[in-house]
Amino acid sequence: MPQTAPAVPSTAAQHGRHDRILAAATEMLSAGGEEALQMKDLSQRAGVSVATLYRYFPAKDHVLLGILVSRYTAALARITAEVPRGGTARERVTRHLLREFRAQQREPRITAALSRVISETRRSYSEVIEQVEHLHLQTLEHVAGAGRPISAEQRQLLPVVQAIFGAATRRWLAGVSAPEQARFEIRAGCRLLDLADSAVAEDVSLALSVG
């Protein structure tokens, strides 16, 4: 079927169908990985017509991205209702990302599929990928500040920490590094949050300079 822009559910019934599709897709991924996620089978398992499935998810990658958006939206709501533990921004973000990595280890097939799609460079997916990354950064910002505002410099560091976390996860998935190496890389990346604001501001200035 030709790819079009995914429909956005607006009524309670539409949200219900949309959520059933994502729940069924998650079960299929967990059981058999991305190869097991076939659109016809997904429509049957979710109890929706093929036409309805393609209206909300024109391609398999849209399903995977939908799972990511749903998961990070739920995580943001859950985390913002908590008081993050840890005395410093580094300690809090480290604790959070290590917990996230443990969750990824428990679902290697789902993690592999979601990691693959978030690395997708097709322009048609850029908006939803940006949405996923923004939701993740919002969560990390809340954790870093324990619910309070963080400095502009810390805010600039969080995407770097996020990128290190993503790279560590991908190397683990590829079998390049063991889980303990991934945990080390995550911890090392979070140490950037110990940098003084003045040092970060200096690096930003240097990055903006010509030559």
Protein backbone atom coordinates (compact mmCIF):
# COMPACT_ATOMS: atom_id res chain seq x y z
CA MET A 1 0.00 0.00 0.00
CA PRO A 2 1.27 3.52 -0.68
CA GLN A 3 2.58 5.37 2.35
CA THR A 4 0.61 8.37 3.53
CA ALA A 5 0.67 10.45 6.68
CA PRO A 6 -0.60 8.40 9.66
CA ALA A 7 -4.08 9.32 10.90
CA VAL A 8 -4.24 10.71 14.44
CA PRO A 9 -6.93 9.16 16.67
CA SER A 10 -9.38 11.68 18.10
CA THR A 11 -12.30 9.75 19.62
CA ALA A 12 -12.25 7.27 22.51
CA ALA A 13 -13.01 4.41 20.12
CA GLN A 14 -10.17 5.44 17.81
CA HIS A 15 -7.74 5.70 20.72
CA GLY A 16 -8.84 2.24 21.80
CA ARG A 17 -8.11 0.74 18.39
CA HIS A 18 -4.81 2.60 18.19
CA ASP A 19 -3.74 1.32 21.61
CA ARG A 20 -4.81 -2.25 20.80
CA ILE A 21 -2.62 -2.19 17.71
CA LEU A 22 0.40 -1.03 19.70
CA ALA A 23 -0.21 -3.60 22.45
CA ALA A 24 -0.55 -6.42 19.94
CA ALA A 25 2.57 -5.27 18.07
CA THR A 26 4.55 -5.22 21.32
CA GLU A 27 3.50 -8.80 22.08
CA MET A 28 4.51 -9.92 18.59
CA LEU A 29 7.90 -8.24 18.86
CA SER A 30 8.53 -9.77 22.27
CA ALA A 31 7.71 -13.25 21.00
CA GLY A 32 9.48 -13.23 17.65
CA GLY A 33 11.33 -10.00 17.03
CA GLU A 34 10.86 -7.60 14.16
CA GLU A 35 10.56 -10.34 11.54
CA ALA A 36 7.48 -11.67 13.35
CA LEU A 37 5.73 -8.31 13.08
CA GLN A 38 3.70 -8.75 9.88
CA MET A 39 0.99 -6.20 9.16
CA LYS A 40 -1.73 -8.72 8.19
CA ASP A 41 -1.11 -10.78 11.31
CA LEU A 42 -1.06 -7.61 13.39
CA SER A 43 -4.49 -6.51 12.14
CA GLN A 44 -5.93 -9.90 13.08
CA ARG A 45 -4.36 -9.96 16.51
CA ALA A 46 -5.46 -6.38 17.27
CA GLY A 47 -8.98 -7.07 16.01
CA VAL A 48 -8.99 -4.30 13.41
CA SER A 49 -9.31 -4.32 9.64
CA VAL A 50 -6.23 -4.07 7.45
CA ALA A 51 -7.56 -0.73 6.17
CA THR A 52 -7.81 0.60 9.74
CA LEU A 53 -4.30 -0.60 10.55
CA TYR A 54 -2.81 1.15 7.52
CA ARG A 55 -4.78 4.31 8.27
CA TYR A 56 -2.94 4.71 11.58
CA PHE A 57 0.31 2.99 10.59
CA PRO A 58 1.09 3.20 6.84
CA ALA A 59 4.21 1.04 7.32
CA LYS A 60 5.81 -1.22 9.91
CA ASP A 61 8.24 1.52 10.93
CA HIS A 62 5.28 3.71 11.87
CA VAL A 63 4.16 0.95 14.25
CA LEU A 64 7.60 0.81 15.86
CA LEU A 65 7.76 4.57 16.19
CA GLY A 66 4.26 4.53 17.65
CA ILE A 67 5.46 2.11 20.33
CA LEU A 68 8.37 4.42 21.12
CA VAL A 69 6.13 7.48 21.42
CA SER A 70 3.72 5.57 23.64
CA ARG A 71 6.48 4.26 25.89
CA TYR A 72 8.29 7.55 26.32
CA THR A 73 5.01 9.40 26.89
CA ALA A 74 4.11 6.94 29.64
CA ALA A 75 7.62 7.12 31.10
CA LEU A 76 7.52 10.92 31.22
CA ALA A 77 4.18 10.88 33.02
CA ARG A 78 5.44 8.30 35.51
CA ILE A 79 8.80 9.96 36.17
CA THR A 80 7.36 13.46 36.61
CA ALA A 81 5.12 12.05 39.35
CA GLU A 82 8.17 10.78 41.26
CA VAL A 83 10.93 12.47 43.22
CA PRO A 84 14.19 11.25 41.62
CA ARG A 85 16.73 9.80 44.03
CA GLY A 86 20.33 10.99 44.16
CA GLY A 87 22.19 14.00 45.49
CA THR A 88 23.47 15.37 42.18
CA ALA A 89 22.24 15.63 38.60
CA ARG A 90 24.86 13.07 37.56
CA GLU A 91 23.77 10.57 40.21
CA ARG A 92 20.10 10.95 39.34
CA VAL A 93 20.53 10.67 35.58
CA THR A 94 22.96 7.76 35.95
CA ARG A 95 20.47 5.89 38.12
CA HIS A 96 17.66 6.56 35.64
CA LEU A 97 19.58 5.52 32.52
CA LEU A 98 20.95 2.36 34.13
CA ARG A 99 17.39 1.44 35.07
CA GLU A 100 16.34 2.11 31.47
CA PHE A 101 19.17 -0.08 30.19
CA ARG A 102 18.11 -2.92 32.51
CA ALA A 103 14.60 -2.67 31.06
CA GLN A 104 16.08 -2.88 27.56
CA GLN A 105 18.04 -6.00 28.52
CA ARG A 106 14.84 -7.69 29.64
CA GLU A 107 13.31 -7.13 26.17
CA PRO A 108 16.18 -7.65 23.70
CA ARG A 109 13.95 -8.29 20.68
CA ILE A 110 11.84 -5.21 21.29
CA THR A 111 14.92 -3.14 22.08
CA ALA A 112 16.59 -4.23 18.82
CA ALA A 113 13.58 -3.24 16.73
CA LEU A 114 13.08 0.11 18.45
CA SER A 115 16.78 0.93 18.35
CA ARG A 116 16.86 0.20 14.64
CA VAL A 117 13.92 2.44 13.81
CA ILE A 118 15.07 5.38 15.94
CA SER A 119 18.30 5.34 13.93
CA GLU A 120 16.28 5.59 10.69
CA THR A 121 17.38 8.57 8.61
CA ARG A 122 14.43 8.78 6.21
CA ARG A 123 13.14 12.32 6.12
CA SER A 124 9.51 11.18 6.31
CA TYR A 125 10.14 9.91 9.84
CA SER A 126 12.10 12.90 11.12
CA GLU A 127 9.16 14.56 12.88
CA VAL A 128 8.20 11.57 14.99
CA ILE A 129 11.83 10.70 15.72
CA GLU A 130 12.29 14.25 16.97
CA GLN A 131 9.18 13.80 19.13
CA VAL A 132 10.60 10.62 20.68
CA GLU A 133 13.95 12.26 21.43
CA HIS A 134 12.21 15.30 22.90
CA LEU A 135 10.12 13.13 25.23
CA HIS A 136 13.27 11.33 26.38
CA LEU A 137 15.08 14.62 26.96
CA GLN A 138 12.13 15.99 28.93
CA THR A 139 12.35 12.95 31.18
CA LEU A 140 16.10 13.34 31.64
CA GLU A 141 15.70 17.04 32.38
CA HIS A 142 13.15 16.32 35.10
CA VAL A 143 15.44 13.67 36.58
CA ALA A 144 18.53 15.90 36.39
CA GLY A 145 16.85 18.76 38.22
CA ALA A 146 14.78 16.57 40.56
CA GLY A 147 11.75 18.43 39.26
CA ARG A 148 13.41 21.84 39.46
CA PRO A 149 14.82 23.92 36.57
CA ILE A 150 18.33 23.08 35.42
CA SER A 151 20.91 25.45 33.99
CA ALA A 152 21.12 26.19 30.28
CA GLU A 153 24.53 24.51 30.25
CA GLN A 154 23.19 21.29 31.77
CA ARG A 155 20.37 21.36 29.24
CA GLN A 156 22.97 21.49 26.46
CA LEU A 157 24.76 18.47 27.93
CA LEU A 158 21.72 16.23 28.12
CA PRO A 159 21.55 15.49 24.35
CA VAL A 160 25.21 14.43 24.54
CA VAL A 161 24.46 12.11 27.45
CA GLN A 162 21.44 10.81 25.53
CA ALA A 163 23.61 10.11 22.46
CA ILE A 164 26.18 8.21 24.56
CA PHE A 165 23.39 6.13 26.08
CA GLY A 166 22.00 5.30 22.63
CA ALA A 167 25.43 4.37 21.28
CA ALA A 168 26.15 2.14 24.28
CA THR A 169 22.84 0.35 23.76
CA ARG A 170 23.48 -0.18 20.04
CA ARG A 171 26.96 -1.63 20.67
CA TRP A 172 25.50 -4.03 23.22
CA LEU A 173 22.75 -5.06 20.80
CA ALA A 174 25.32 -5.67 18.06
CA GLY A 175 27.35 -7.89 20.37
CA VAL A 176 30.30 -5.51 20.17
CA SER A 177 30.32 -4.88 23.91
CA ALA A 178 29.19 -6.75 27.00
CA PRO A 179 26.48 -5.37 29.31
CA GLU A 180 29.09 -4.27 31.84
CA GLN A 181 30.87 -2.24 29.17
CA ALA A 182 27.59 -0.59 28.22
CA ARG A 183 26.95 0.25 31.87
CA PHE A 184 30.45 1.74 32.12
CA GLU A 185 29.87 3.90 29.03
CA ILE A 186 26.55 5.11 30.42
CA ARG A 187 28.18 6.01 33.75
CA ALA A 188 31.10 7.72 32.01
CA GLY A 189 28.75 9.73 29.80
CA CYS A 190 26.74 10.91 32.78
CA ARG A 191 29.92 12.31 34.35
CA LEU A 192 29.67 15.14 31.84
CA LEU A 193 26.94 16.52 34.10
CA ASP A 194 29.64 17.22 36.72
CA LEU A 195 31.24 19.79 34.41
CA ALA A 196 31.11 23.36 35.63
CA ASP A 197 28.73 25.61 33.72
CA SER A 198 31.69 27.84 32.82
CA ALA A 199 33.51 24.93 31.17
CA VAL A 200 30.42 24.02 29.14
CA ALA A 201 29.91 27.64 28.11
CA GLU A 202 33.54 27.79 26.96
CA ASP A 203 33.13 24.67 24.81
CA VAL A 204 29.93 26.06 23.29
CA SER A 205 31.75 29.30 22.46
CA LEU A 206 34.59 27.37 20.84
CA ALA A 207 32.14 25.28 18.81
CA LEU A 208 30.51 28.44 17.50
CA SER A 209 33.79 30.07 16.57
CA VAL A 210 35.01 29.99 12.99
CA GLY A 211 38.03 27.87 12.14
